[in-house]
Amino acid sequence: MTGRIIIADDHPMFREAMLRTVQRLLPGAEVQEAGDLQAVHALIGEGGEIDTLILDLRFPGLTCMSQLAALRQQLRRTTLIVVSMVDDPALIDRVMALGADGFIGKNIAPDEIGQALLAIRDGEVLVKFAPSGLLPLDTHTLTARQHDVLRLIAQGKTNKEIAKALDISPFTVRIHVSSLLRTLDVPSRAAAAVKYSGEL
């Protein structure tokens, strides 16, 4: 028995892909999923040793690096693997300095993700990512409301969902989104979300 493996990611498609990868490579593992930090803590609270935690760096509830450090302290015997679209070497260095056992970029090939996962679980300290070529996000150019809209875009919310969350009209959301795309100089919501990944 390989033990418990938690996949903590709020993007269902990536979580499903990682689940299939883990089940293929480690068929004896008990794989559990979490869509936010509260769900991670609930799974931890169930008791039983956690073999591996695969954690998205841009994750609901994970708002600062100190929370990552706290998870590392709480799960001293768990292999902690951070996955992210982030490709900022300085940020990745911080993640590793806080005790992550490895870092895997979401933008590398699925086979490479699987190989990196196995290598880290075997004790190799590994950082594997493909530079996206995106410039770091200059958050100082955004208003507080634009920050809110961008954060929700990065969570995969629709304009209607963003309007409800912020208690504004969908029309106002469209104006904010258009303004954001111009300010960030990106062609799409998806590209804006990727830039937001480097803000943590």
C-alpha atoms as a PDB file:
ATOM      1  CA  MET A   1       0.000   0.000   0.000  1.00  0.00           C
ATOM      2  CA  THR A   2       1.399   3.359  -1.063  1.00  0.00           C
ATOM      3  CA  GLY A   3      -0.656   5.363   1.431  1.00  0.00           C
ATOM      4  CA  ARG A   4      -2.802   8.479   1.191  1.00  0.00           C
ATOM      5  CA  ILE A   5      -2.195  11.043  -1.515  1.00  0.00           C
ATOM      6  CA  ILE A   6      -4.108  14.347  -1.492  1.00  0.00           C
ATOM      7  CA  ILE A   7      -4.492  16.334  -4.718  1.00  0.00           C
ATOM      8  CA  ALA A   8      -5.262  19.911  -3.677  1.00  0.00           C
ATOM      9  CA  ASP A   9      -6.215  22.013  -6.694  1.00  0.00           C
ATOM     10  CA  ASP A  10      -9.270  24.154  -7.430  1.00  0.00           C
ATOM     11  CA  HIS A  11      -9.235  23.493 -11.182  1.00  0.00           C
ATOM     12  CA  PRO A  12     -11.334  20.331 -11.780  1.00  0.00           C
ATOM     13  CA  MET A  13      -9.731  19.523 -15.144  1.00  0.00           C
ATOM     14  CA  PHE A  14      -6.179  19.629 -13.782  1.00  0.00           C
ATOM     15  CA  ARG A  15      -7.234  17.750 -10.648  1.00  0.00           C
ATOM     16  CA  GLU A  16      -8.818  15.017 -12.779  1.00  0.00           C
ATOM     17  CA  ALA A  17      -5.707  14.781 -14.973  1.00  0.00           C
ATOM     18  CA  MET A  18      -3.444  14.546 -11.907  1.00  0.00           C
ATOM     19  CA  LEU A  19      -5.768  11.938 -10.379  1.00  0.00           C
ATOM     20  CA  ARG A  20      -5.471   9.752 -13.490  1.00  0.00           C
ATOM     21  CA  THR A  21      -1.687  10.199 -13.512  1.00  0.00           C
ATOM     22  CA  VAL A  22      -1.357   9.193  -9.846  1.00  0.00           C
ATOM     23  CA  GLN A  23      -3.684   6.203 -10.239  1.00  0.00           C
ATOM     24  CA  ARG A  24      -1.702   5.009 -13.271  1.00  0.00           C
ATOM     25  CA  LEU A  25       1.704   5.406 -11.618  1.00  0.00           C
ATOM     26  CA  LEU A  26       0.707   4.409  -8.071  1.00  0.00           C
ATOM     27  CA  PRO A  27      -2.249   2.021  -8.387  1.00  0.00           C
ATOM     28  CA  GLY A  28      -2.074   1.055  -4.705  1.00  0.00           C
ATOM     29  CA  ALA A  29      -2.531   4.612  -3.424  1.00  0.00           C
ATOM     30  CA  GLU A  30      -5.620   5.994  -1.699  1.00  0.00           C
ATOM     31  CA  VAL A  31      -6.165   9.248  -3.600  1.00  0.00           C
ATOM     32  CA  GLN A  32      -8.266  12.062  -2.119  1.00  0.00           C
ATOM     33  CA  GLU A  33      -9.134  15.444  -3.632  1.00  0.00           C
ATOM     34  CA  ALA A  34      -9.521  18.930  -2.147  1.00  0.00           C
ATOM     35  CA  GLY A  35     -10.770  22.087  -3.851  1.00  0.00           C
ATOM     36  CA  ASP A  36      -9.732  24.561  -1.144  1.00  0.00           C
ATOM     37  CA  LEU A  37      -7.526  24.833   1.937  1.00  0.00           C
ATOM     38  CA  GLN A  38     -10.423  24.140   4.295  1.00  0.00           C
ATOM     39  CA  ALA A  39     -10.976  20.793   2.559  1.00  0.00           C
ATOM     40  CA  VAL A  40      -7.260  19.991   2.934  1.00  0.00           C
ATOM     41  CA  HIS A  41      -7.434  20.611   6.678  1.00  0.00           C
ATOM     42  CA  ALA A  42     -10.583  18.470   6.884  1.00  0.00           C
ATOM     43  CA  LEU A  43      -8.759  15.574   5.205  1.00  0.00           C
ATOM     44  CA  ILE A  44      -5.768  16.037   7.511  1.00  0.00           C
ATOM     45  CA  GLY A  45      -8.147  15.996  10.466  1.00  0.00           C
ATOM     46  CA  GLU A  46      -9.468  12.567   9.474  1.00  0.00           C
ATOM     47  CA  GLY A  47      -6.270  11.134  10.900  1.00  0.00           C
ATOM     48  CA  GLY A  48      -3.915   8.669   9.342  1.00  0.00           C
ATOM     49  CA  GLU A  49      -0.585   9.457   7.794  1.00  0.00           C
ATOM     50  CA  ILE A  50      -0.554  11.374   4.532  1.00  0.00           C
ATOM     51  CA  ASP A  51       2.084  10.074   2.161  1.00  0.00           C
ATOM     52  CA  THR A  52       2.015  12.929  -0.372  1.00  0.00           C
ATOM     53  CA  LEU A  53       0.302  16.321  -0.673  1.00  0.00           C
ATOM     54  CA  ILE A  54       0.173  17.746  -4.200  1.00  0.00           C
ATOM     55  CA  LEU A  55      -0.711  21.413  -3.680  1.00  0.00           C
ATOM     56  CA  ASP A  56      -1.529  24.153  -6.179  1.00  0.00           C
ATOM     57  CA  LEU A  57       0.274  27.367  -5.224  1.00  0.00           C
ATOM     58  CA  ARG A  58      -2.702  29.504  -6.328  1.00  0.00           C
ATOM     59  CA  PHE A  59      -5.278  27.796  -4.146  1.00  0.00           C
ATOM     60  CA  PRO A  60      -8.447  29.120  -2.433  1.00  0.00           C
ATOM     61  CA  GLY A  61      -7.619  29.760   1.208  1.00  0.00           C
ATOM     62  CA  LEU A  62      -3.864  29.783   0.604  1.00  0.00           C
ATOM     63  CA  THR A  63      -3.251  33.517   0.691  1.00  0.00           C
ATOM     64  CA  CYS A  64       0.281  33.850   2.023  1.00  0.00           C
ATOM     65  CA  MET A  65       3.538  31.945   2.255  1.00  0.00           C
ATOM     66  CA  SER A  66       3.211  31.552   6.029  1.00  0.00           C
ATOM     67  CA  GLN A  67       0.287  29.167   5.435  1.00  0.00           C
ATOM     68  CA  LEU A  68       2.508  27.042   3.219  1.00  0.00           C
ATOM     69  CA  ALA A  69       5.143  27.026   5.969  1.00  0.00           C
ATOM     70  CA  ALA A  70       2.485  25.999   8.510  1.00  0.00           C
ATOM     71  CA  LEU A  71       1.409  23.072   6.325  1.00  0.00           C
ATOM     72  CA  ARG A  72       5.026  21.983   6.082  1.00  0.00           C
ATOM     73  CA  GLN A  73       5.345  22.042   9.876  1.00  0.00           C
ATOM     74  CA  GLN A  74       2.058  20.197  10.357  1.00  0.00           C
ATOM     75  CA  LEU A  75       2.927  17.490   7.821  1.00  0.00           C
ATOM     76  CA  ARG A  76       6.557  16.837   8.671  1.00  0.00           C
ATOM     77  CA  ARG A  77       6.575  13.288   7.292  1.00  0.00           C
ATOM     78  CA  THR A  78       4.532  14.054   4.179  1.00  0.00           C
ATOM     79  CA  THR A  79       6.077  14.592   0.752  1.00  0.00           C
ATOM     80  CA  LEU A  80       4.952  18.130  -0.171  1.00  0.00           C
ATOM     81  CA  ILE A  81       4.858  18.783  -3.903  1.00  0.00           C
ATOM     82  CA  VAL A  82       3.834  22.254  -5.113  1.00  0.00           C
ATOM     83  CA  VAL A  83       2.323  22.564  -8.597  1.00  0.00           C
ATOM     84  CA  SER A  84       1.687  25.877 -10.342  1.00  0.00           C
ATOM     85  CA  MET A  85       1.663  27.897 -13.542  1.00  0.00           C
ATOM     86  CA  VAL A  86       4.124  30.245 -11.806  1.00  0.00           C
ATOM     87  CA  ASP A  87       7.526  30.377 -13.479  1.00  0.00           C
ATOM     88  CA  ASP A  88       9.183  33.109 -11.402  1.00  0.00           C
ATOM     89  CA  PRO A  89      12.492  31.616 -10.146  1.00  0.00           C
ATOM     90  CA  ALA A  90      12.547  33.890  -7.069  1.00  0.00           C
ATOM     91  CA  LEU A  91       9.065  32.758  -6.023  1.00  0.00           C
ATOM     92  CA  ILE A  92       9.910  29.111  -6.667  1.00  0.00           C
ATOM     93  CA  ASP A  93      13.047  29.533  -4.527  1.00  0.00           C
ATOM     94  CA  ARG A  94      10.848  30.841  -1.680  1.00  0.00           C
ATOM     95  CA  VAL A  95       8.548  27.840  -2.002  1.00  0.00           C
ATOM     96  CA  MET A  96      11.487  25.453  -1.814  1.00  0.00           C
ATOM     97  CA  ALA A  97      13.072  27.372   1.086  1.00  0.00           C
ATOM     98  CA  LEU A  98       9.871  26.872   3.075  1.00  0.00           C
ATOM     99  CA  GLY A  99      10.356  23.140   2.861  1.00  0.00           C
ATOM    100  CA  ALA A 100       8.574  21.931  -0.255  1.00  0.00           C
ATOM    101  CA  ASP A 101      10.090  18.675  -1.466  1.00  0.00           C
ATOM    102  CA  GLY A 102       9.610  19.623  -5.080  1.00  0.00           C
ATOM    103  CA  PHE A 103       8.018  22.043  -7.564  1.00  0.00           C
ATOM    104  CA  ILE A 104       6.280  20.978 -10.770  1.00  0.00           C
ATOM    105  CA  GLY A 105       5.090  23.454 -13.401  1.00  0.00           C
ATOM    106  CA  LYS A 106       1.613  22.823 -14.778  1.00  0.00           C
ATOM    107  CA  ASN A 107       2.786  23.753 -18.259  1.00  0.00           C
ATOM    108  CA  ILE A 108       5.143  20.785 -18.758  1.00  0.00           C
ATOM    109  CA  ALA A 109       4.059  17.625 -20.597  1.00  0.00           C
ATOM    110  CA  PRO A 110       1.853  15.160 -18.664  1.00  0.00           C
ATOM    111  CA  ASP A 111       4.487  12.426 -18.905  1.00  0.00           C
ATOM    112  CA  GLU A 112       7.080  14.788 -17.427  1.00  0.00           C
ATOM    113  CA  ILE A 113       4.698  15.654 -14.581  1.00  0.00           C
ATOM    114  CA  GLY A 114       4.378  11.951 -13.796  1.00  0.00           C
ATOM    115  CA  GLN A 115       8.136  11.376 -13.908  1.00  0.00           C
ATOM    116  CA  ALA A 116       8.774  14.395 -11.674  1.00  0.00           C
ATOM    117  CA  LEU A 117       6.121  13.210  -9.215  1.00  0.00           C
ATOM    118  CA  LEU A 118       7.773   9.801  -8.863  1.00  0.00           C
ATOM    119  CA  ALA A 119      11.260  11.307  -8.559  1.00  0.00           C
ATOM    120  CA  ILE A 120      10.209  13.679  -5.756  1.00  0.00           C
ATOM    121  CA  ARG A 121       8.441  10.865  -3.885  1.00  0.00           C
ATOM    122  CA  ASP A 122      11.652   8.843  -4.170  1.00  0.00           C
ATOM    123  CA  GLY A 123      13.522  11.600  -2.345  1.00  0.00           C
ATOM    124  CA  GLU A 124      14.900  13.702  -5.180  1.00  0.00           C
ATOM    125  CA  VAL A 125      14.682  17.466  -4.576  1.00  0.00           C
ATOM    126  CA  LEU A 126      13.356  18.549  -7.932  1.00  0.00           C
ATOM    127  CA  VAL A 127      12.182  21.767  -9.580  1.00  0.00           C
ATOM    128  CA  LYS A 128      10.686  21.139 -13.014  1.00  0.00           C
ATOM    129  CA  PHE A 129       8.911  23.819 -15.046  1.00  0.00           C
ATOM    130  CA  ALA A 130       8.851  25.372 -18.502  1.00  0.00           C
ATOM    131  CA  PRO A 131       9.258  29.168 -18.640  1.00  0.00           C
ATOM    132  CA  SER A 132       6.097  30.734 -20.071  1.00  0.00           C
ATOM    133  CA  GLY A 133       7.823  33.936 -21.134  1.00  0.00           C
ATOM    134  CA  LEU A 134       5.187  36.007 -19.351  1.00  0.00           C
ATOM    135  CA  LEU A 135       6.327  39.157 -17.642  1.00  0.00           C
ATOM    136  CA  PRO A 136       5.650  39.446 -13.896  1.00  0.00           C
ATOM    137  CA  LEU A 137       2.378  41.137 -13.038  1.00  0.00           C
ATOM    138  CA  ASP A 138       2.812  44.722 -11.867  1.00  0.00           C
ATOM    139  CA  THR A 139      -0.049  44.805  -9.373  1.00  0.00           C
ATOM    140  CA  HIS A 140       0.543  48.441  -8.480  1.00  0.00           C
ATOM    141  CA  THR A 141      -1.148  49.468 -11.737  1.00  0.00           C
ATOM    142  CA  LEU A 142      -4.447  47.815 -10.736  1.00  0.00           C
ATOM    143  CA  THR A 143      -7.243  49.273  -8.654  1.00  0.00           C
ATOM    144  CA  ALA A 144      -8.595  47.372  -5.645  1.00  0.00           C
ATOM    145  CA  ARG A 145     -11.706  46.406  -7.654  1.00  0.00           C
ATOM    146  CA  GLN A 146      -9.570  45.181 -10.559  1.00  0.00           C
ATOM    147  CA  HIS A 147      -7.631  43.027  -8.082  1.00  0.00           C
ATOM    148  CA  ASP A 148     -10.922  41.486  -6.939  1.00  0.00           C
ATOM    149  CA  VAL A 149     -12.081  40.806 -10.491  1.00  0.00           C
ATOM    150  CA  LEU A 150      -8.717  39.331 -11.507  1.00  0.00           C
ATOM    151  CA  ARG A 151      -8.651  37.047  -8.468  1.00  0.00           C
ATOM    152  CA  LEU A 152     -12.096  35.695  -9.373  1.00  0.00           C
ATOM    153  CA  ILE A 153     -11.124  35.283 -13.040  1.00  0.00           C
ATOM    154  CA  ALA A 154      -8.145  33.211 -11.864  1.00  0.00           C
ATOM    155  CA  GLN A 155     -10.594  31.008  -9.936  1.00  0.00           C
ATOM    156  CA  GLY A 156     -12.451  30.309 -13.177  1.00  0.00           C
ATOM    157  CA  LYS A 157     -15.540  32.387 -12.340  1.00  0.00           C
ATOM    158  CA  THR A 158     -17.866  33.630 -15.082  1.00  0.00           C
ATOM    159  CA  ASN A 159     -18.854  37.291 -15.405  1.00  0.00           C
ATOM    160  CA  LYS A 160     -22.227  36.460 -13.854  1.00  0.00           C
ATOM    161  CA  GLU A 161     -20.562  34.719 -10.891  1.00  0.00           C
ATOM    162  CA  ILE A 162     -18.120  37.612 -10.441  1.00  0.00           C
ATOM    163  CA  ALA A 163     -21.014  40.091 -10.476  1.00  0.00           C
ATOM    164  CA  LYS A 164     -22.806  38.126  -7.769  1.00  0.00           C
ATOM    165  CA  ALA A 165     -19.661  37.760  -5.628  1.00  0.00           C
ATOM    166  CA  LEU A 166     -18.848  41.471  -5.792  1.00  0.00           C
ATOM    167  CA  ASP A 167     -22.461  42.689  -5.768  1.00  0.00           C
ATOM    168  CA  ILE A 168     -22.078  44.618  -9.018  1.00  0.00           C
ATOM    169  CA  SER A 169     -23.795  44.295 -12.391  1.00  0.00           C
ATOM    170  CA  PRO A 170     -22.529  41.933 -15.129  1.00  0.00           C
ATOM    171  CA  PHE A 171     -22.171  44.999 -17.347  1.00  0.00           C
ATOM    172  CA  THR A 172     -19.778  46.566 -14.820  1.00  0.00           C
ATOM    173  CA  VAL A 173     -17.838  43.299 -14.683  1.00  0.00           C
ATOM    174  CA  ARG A 174     -17.422  43.363 -18.481  1.00  0.00           C
ATOM    175  CA  ILE A 175     -16.008  46.885 -18.247  1.00  0.00           C
ATOM    176  CA  HIS A 176     -13.530  45.777 -15.544  1.00  0.00           C
ATOM    177  CA  VAL A 177     -12.487  42.703 -17.549  1.00  0.00           C
ATOM    178  CA  SER A 178     -11.889  44.744 -20.706  1.00  0.00           C
ATOM    179  CA  SER A 179      -9.868  47.261 -18.707  1.00  0.00           C
ATOM    180  CA  LEU A 180      -7.852  44.472 -17.075  1.00  0.00           C
ATOM    181  CA  LEU A 181      -6.930  42.900 -20.408  1.00  0.00           C
ATOM    182  CA  ARG A 182      -5.691  46.262 -21.680  1.00  0.00           C
ATOM    183  CA  THR A 183      -3.773  47.049 -18.481  1.00  0.00           C
ATOM    184  CA  LEU A 184      -2.117  43.629 -18.364  1.00  0.00           C
ATOM    185  CA  ASP A 185      -1.565  43.610 -22.138  1.00  0.00           C
ATOM    186  CA  VAL A 186      -2.986  40.099 -22.516  1.00  0.00           C
ATOM    187  CA  PRO A 187      -5.387  38.759 -25.166  1.00  0.00           C
ATOM    188  CA  SER A 188      -7.683  36.651 -22.983  1.00  0.00           C
ATOM    189  CA  ARG A 189      -9.055  35.927 -19.518  1.00  0.00           C
ATOM    190  CA  ALA A 190      -6.946  32.753 -19.409  1.00  0.00           C
ATOM    191  CA  ALA A 191      -3.756  34.729 -20.028  1.00  0.00           C
ATOM    192  CA  ALA A 192      -4.750  37.199 -17.300  1.00  0.00           C
ATOM    193  CA  ALA A 193      -5.272  34.288 -14.908  1.00  0.00           C
ATOM    194  CA  VAL A 194      -1.805  32.932 -15.679  1.00  0.00           C
ATOM    195  CA  LYS A 195      -0.258  36.335 -14.966  1.00  0.00           C
ATOM    196  CA  TYR A 196      -2.164  36.428 -11.674  1.00  0.00           C
ATOM    197  CA  SER A 197      -0.416  33.170 -10.733  1.00  0.00           C
ATOM    198  CA  GLY A 198       2.780  35.117 -10.135  1.00  0.00           C
ATOM    199  CA  GLU A 199       1.216  37.586  -7.726  1.00  0.00           C
ATOM    200  CA  LEU A 200       1.260  35.407  -4.573  1.00  0.00           C
END
